Amino acid sequence: MYTQTKQMENAQRWELRLYVAGQTPKSILAFKNITRYCKEHLEGKYSIEVIDLLKNPQLAEGDQIIAIPTLIRKVPEPIRKIIGDLSDEEKVLVGLNIRPIPVKNNL
């Protein structure tokens, strides 16, 4: 687990893709949230591609998008998906493997 976490920390570039459907409040919030998290935790090591499915609906099939907004981490592998407005920072960071899963001590 430590080795995998270190590999993720040393990854050169994070490629993220955010699928939205127009300028809805949830889509706008999702973009603001992921941009803020990336600036705080991946400064200079990320790119975010926003795909509007109202303009390019055919792009949903390739990444198997079933709900929006959906964030996909393309690189580093494995691919990870998070659905929603990305408001829960801890869940997003753990879900993208930017932050390791917290270990609970039963003491």
Protein backbone atom coordinates (compact mmCIF):
# COMPACT_ATOMS: atom_id res chain seq x y z
CA MET A 1 0.00 0.00 0.00
CA TYR A 2 2.82 2.40 0.84
CA THR A 3 4.50 1.74 -2.51
CA GLN A 4 1.28 2.37 -4.43
CA THR A 5 0.69 5.63 -2.55
CA LYS A 6 4.26 6.77 -3.24
CA GLN A 7 3.85 5.95 -6.94
CA MET A 8 0.68 8.06 -7.05
CA GLU A 9 2.45 10.96 -5.34
CA ASN A 10 5.31 10.78 -7.84
CA ALA A 11 3.07 10.58 -10.91
CA GLN A 12 4.07 13.21 -13.46
CA ARG A 13 0.63 14.27 -14.61
CA TRP A 14 -3.02 13.79 -13.61
CA GLU A 15 -5.47 13.80 -16.50
CA LEU A 16 -9.03 14.44 -15.40
CA ARG A 17 -12.18 14.61 -17.49
CA LEU A 18 -15.37 16.24 -16.21
CA TYR A 19 -18.58 15.34 -18.03
CA VAL A 20 -21.37 17.91 -17.74
CA ALA A 21 -24.64 18.75 -19.52
CA GLY A 22 -24.62 22.48 -20.05
CA GLN A 23 -24.11 25.14 -17.40
CA THR A 24 -26.27 23.63 -14.64
CA PRO A 25 -25.63 24.64 -11.02
CA LYS A 26 -24.26 21.16 -10.20
CA SER A 27 -21.95 21.18 -13.22
CA ILE A 28 -20.59 24.63 -12.33
CA LEU A 29 -20.10 23.59 -8.70
CA ALA A 30 -18.36 20.36 -9.73
CA PHE A 31 -15.92 22.32 -11.91
CA LYS A 32 -15.20 24.86 -9.16
CA ASN A 33 -14.66 22.10 -6.60
CA ILE A 34 -12.31 19.95 -8.68
CA THR A 35 -10.34 23.01 -9.77
CA ARG A 36 -9.87 24.06 -6.14
CA TYR A 37 -8.84 20.56 -5.02
CA CYS A 38 -6.34 20.26 -7.86
CA LYS A 39 -4.79 23.66 -7.12
CA GLU A 40 -4.41 22.69 -3.46
CA HIS A 41 -3.14 19.11 -3.90
CA LEU A 42 -1.78 18.71 -7.45
CA GLU A 43 -0.37 22.14 -8.25
CA GLY A 44 1.19 22.09 -11.72
CA LYS A 45 0.58 18.35 -12.21
CA TYR A 46 -2.95 18.19 -13.62
CA SER A 47 -5.19 18.94 -16.56
CA ILE A 48 -8.98 19.08 -16.54
CA GLU A 49 -10.91 18.50 -19.75
CA VAL A 50 -14.56 19.54 -19.56
CA ILE A 51 -16.88 17.69 -21.94
CA ASP A 52 -20.37 19.10 -22.44
CA LEU A 53 -22.62 16.22 -23.41
CA LEU A 54 -25.23 18.62 -24.80
CA LYS A 55 -22.68 19.53 -27.49
CA ASN A 56 -20.97 16.11 -27.84
CA PRO A 57 -23.35 13.37 -26.63
CA GLN A 58 -21.43 10.67 -28.50
CA LEU A 59 -18.49 11.09 -26.08
CA ALA A 60 -20.53 9.65 -23.18
CA GLU A 61 -20.34 6.12 -24.54
CA GLY A 62 -16.54 5.82 -24.54
CA ASP A 63 -16.26 6.42 -20.78
CA GLN A 64 -19.62 4.78 -20.00
CA ILE A 65 -21.19 7.92 -18.52
CA ILE A 66 -24.57 7.19 -16.95
CA ALA A 67 -25.01 10.28 -14.74
CA ILE A 68 -23.76 13.84 -14.72
CA PRO A 69 -21.69 15.55 -13.59
CA THR A 70 -19.11 12.74 -13.64
CA LEU A 71 -15.39 13.14 -13.02
CA ILE A 72 -13.01 10.59 -14.49
CA ARG A 73 -9.34 10.20 -13.64
CA LYS A 74 -7.77 8.90 -16.85
CA VAL A 75 -4.14 9.09 -15.74
CA PRO A 76 -2.59 7.78 -13.57
CA GLU A 77 -4.26 4.41 -14.00
CA PRO A 78 -6.44 2.72 -12.91
CA ILE A 79 -9.31 4.82 -14.20
CA ARG A 80 -11.53 6.17 -11.41
CA LYS A 81 -15.01 7.75 -11.58
CA ILE A 82 -16.85 10.04 -9.18
CA ILE A 83 -20.42 11.14 -9.79
CA GLY A 84 -21.95 14.33 -8.38
CA ASP A 85 -20.99 17.92 -7.64
CA LEU A 86 -17.76 16.88 -5.84
CA SER A 87 -18.65 18.84 -2.70
CA ASP A 88 -17.23 16.27 -0.25
CA GLU A 89 -13.52 17.03 -0.51
CA GLU A 90 -12.38 14.02 1.54
CA LYS A 91 -14.39 11.57 -0.59
CA VAL A 92 -13.11 13.12 -3.81
CA LEU A 93 -9.47 13.04 -2.69
CA VAL A 94 -9.75 9.44 -1.48
CA GLY A 95 -11.78 8.44 -4.54
CA LEU A 96 -9.13 9.80 -6.89
CA ASN A 97 -6.40 8.29 -4.71
CA ILE A 98 -4.85 11.70 -4.08
CA ARG A 99 -5.14 11.07 -0.36
CA PRO A 100 -4.89 7.57 1.15
CA ILE A 101 -7.92 6.00 2.79
CA PRO A 102 -7.97 7.06 6.45
CA VAL A 103 -7.31 4.22 8.87
CA LYS A 104 -9.59 4.12 11.90
CA ASN A 105 -8.05 3.07 15.17
CA ASN A 106 -10.30 1.11 17.48
CA LEU A 107 -8.52 2.08 20.68
